[in-house]
Amino acid sequence: MHAVAKVLEALGIAFVFLGLLLGINSPTLWIELYLSIIGVVVFLIGWGTDKLLERKRRESSQ
């Protein structure tokens, strides 16, 4: 499950990067906006999952 959280974080960063690249080359900013929002949401889901798993791991080891 930890690997899934890290993959979601990486996908979120990739979506934001792709949005920025497409936003530079596109005459409209909607693609950049949508991909950036999707990337931030995916990253935050992965980050939250990672933090939740880390907290559970610390509590179970005590």
C-alpha atoms as a PDB file:
ATOM      1  CA  MET A   1       0.000   0.000   0.000  1.00  0.00           C
ATOM      2  CA  HIS A   2       2.953   2.299   0.625  1.00  0.00           C
ATOM      3  CA  ALA A   3       4.038   1.820  -2.981  1.00  0.00           C
ATOM      4  CA  VAL A   4       0.558   2.775  -4.209  1.00  0.00           C
ATOM      5  CA  ALA A   5       0.727   6.017  -2.217  1.00  0.00           C
ATOM      6  CA  LYS A   6       4.130   6.855  -3.703  1.00  0.00           C
ATOM      7  CA  VAL A   7       2.889   6.072  -7.225  1.00  0.00           C
ATOM      8  CA  LEU A   8      -0.085   8.405  -6.691  1.00  0.00           C
ATOM      9  CA  GLU A   9       2.283  11.152  -5.545  1.00  0.00           C
ATOM     10  CA  ALA A  10       4.447  10.657  -8.626  1.00  0.00           C
ATOM     11  CA  LEU A  11       1.408  10.657 -10.920  1.00  0.00           C
ATOM     12  CA  GLY A  12       0.203  13.886  -9.338  1.00  0.00           C
ATOM     13  CA  ILE A  13       3.526  15.564  -9.985  1.00  0.00           C
ATOM     14  CA  ALA A  14       3.518  14.221 -13.548  1.00  0.00           C
ATOM     15  CA  PHE A  15       0.013  15.620 -14.190  1.00  0.00           C
ATOM     16  CA  VAL A  16       1.036  19.057 -12.943  1.00  0.00           C
ATOM     17  CA  PHE A  17       4.201  18.979 -15.064  1.00  0.00           C
ATOM     18  CA  LEU A  18       2.250  17.857 -18.132  1.00  0.00           C
ATOM     19  CA  GLY A  19      -0.292  20.597 -17.523  1.00  0.00           C
ATOM     20  CA  LEU A  20       2.438  23.193 -17.369  1.00  0.00           C
ATOM     21  CA  LEU A  21       4.026  21.946 -20.582  1.00  0.00           C
ATOM     22  CA  LEU A  22       0.721  21.867 -22.426  1.00  0.00           C
ATOM     23  CA  GLY A  23      -0.189  25.275 -21.024  1.00  0.00           C
ATOM     24  CA  ILE A  24       2.938  26.797 -22.500  1.00  0.00           C
ATOM     25  CA  ASN A  25       2.149  25.474 -25.983  1.00  0.00           C
ATOM     26  CA  SER A  26      -1.638  25.812 -25.907  1.00  0.00           C
ATOM     27  CA  PRO A  27      -3.489  29.033 -26.718  1.00  0.00           C
ATOM     28  CA  THR A  28      -6.062  28.279 -24.014  1.00  0.00           C
ATOM     29  CA  LEU A  29      -5.282  27.829 -20.342  1.00  0.00           C
ATOM     30  CA  TRP A  30      -8.113  25.400 -19.599  1.00  0.00           C
ATOM     31  CA  ILE A  31      -5.989  22.303 -20.254  1.00  0.00           C
ATOM     32  CA  GLU A  32      -3.298  23.593 -17.912  1.00  0.00           C
ATOM     33  CA  LEU A  33      -5.882  24.395 -15.272  1.00  0.00           C
ATOM     34  CA  TYR A  34      -7.624  21.028 -15.450  1.00  0.00           C
ATOM     35  CA  LEU A  35      -4.424  18.986 -15.428  1.00  0.00           C
ATOM     36  CA  SER A  36      -2.984  21.044 -12.590  1.00  0.00           C
ATOM     37  CA  ILE A  37      -6.098  20.574 -10.466  1.00  0.00           C
ATOM     38  CA  ILE A  38      -6.194  16.840 -11.201  1.00  0.00           C
ATOM     39  CA  GLY A  39      -2.495  16.575 -10.401  1.00  0.00           C
ATOM     40  CA  VAL A  40      -2.839  18.374  -7.082  1.00  0.00           C
ATOM     41  CA  VAL A  41      -5.809  16.222  -6.071  1.00  0.00           C
ATOM     42  CA  VAL A  42      -4.055  12.970  -7.014  1.00  0.00           C
ATOM     43  CA  PHE A  43      -0.888  14.068  -5.205  1.00  0.00           C
ATOM     44  CA  LEU A  44      -2.821  14.977  -2.060  1.00  0.00           C
ATOM     45  CA  ILE A  45      -4.614  11.615  -2.061  1.00  0.00           C
ATOM     46  CA  GLY A  46      -1.263   9.835  -2.296  1.00  0.00           C
ATOM     47  CA  TRP A  47       0.329  12.079   0.325  1.00  0.00           C
ATOM     48  CA  GLY A  48      -2.589  11.614   2.731  1.00  0.00           C
ATOM     49  CA  THR A  49      -2.515   7.845   2.258  1.00  0.00           C
ATOM     50  CA  ASP A  50       1.224   7.791   2.902  1.00  0.00           C
ATOM     51  CA  LYS A  51       0.860   9.836   6.100  1.00  0.00           C
ATOM     52  CA  LEU A  52      -2.013   7.654   7.314  1.00  0.00           C
ATOM     53  CA  LEU A  53      -0.016   4.478   6.733  1.00  0.00           C
ATOM     54  CA  GLU A  54       3.029   5.963   8.469  1.00  0.00           C
ATOM     55  CA  ARG A  55       0.936   6.899  11.500  1.00  0.00           C
ATOM     56  CA  LYS A  56      -0.584   3.407  11.680  1.00  0.00           C
ATOM     57  CA  ARG A  57       2.871   1.853  11.398  1.00  0.00           C
ATOM     58  CA  ARG A  58       4.214   4.016  14.255  1.00  0.00           C
ATOM     59  CA  GLU A  59       1.212   3.222  16.475  1.00  0.00           C
ATOM     60  CA  SER A  60       1.493  -0.513  15.877  1.00  0.00           C
ATOM     61  CA  SER A  61       5.222  -0.558  16.664  1.00  0.00           C
ATOM     62  CA  GLN A  62       4.732   1.066  20.084  1.00  0.00           C
END
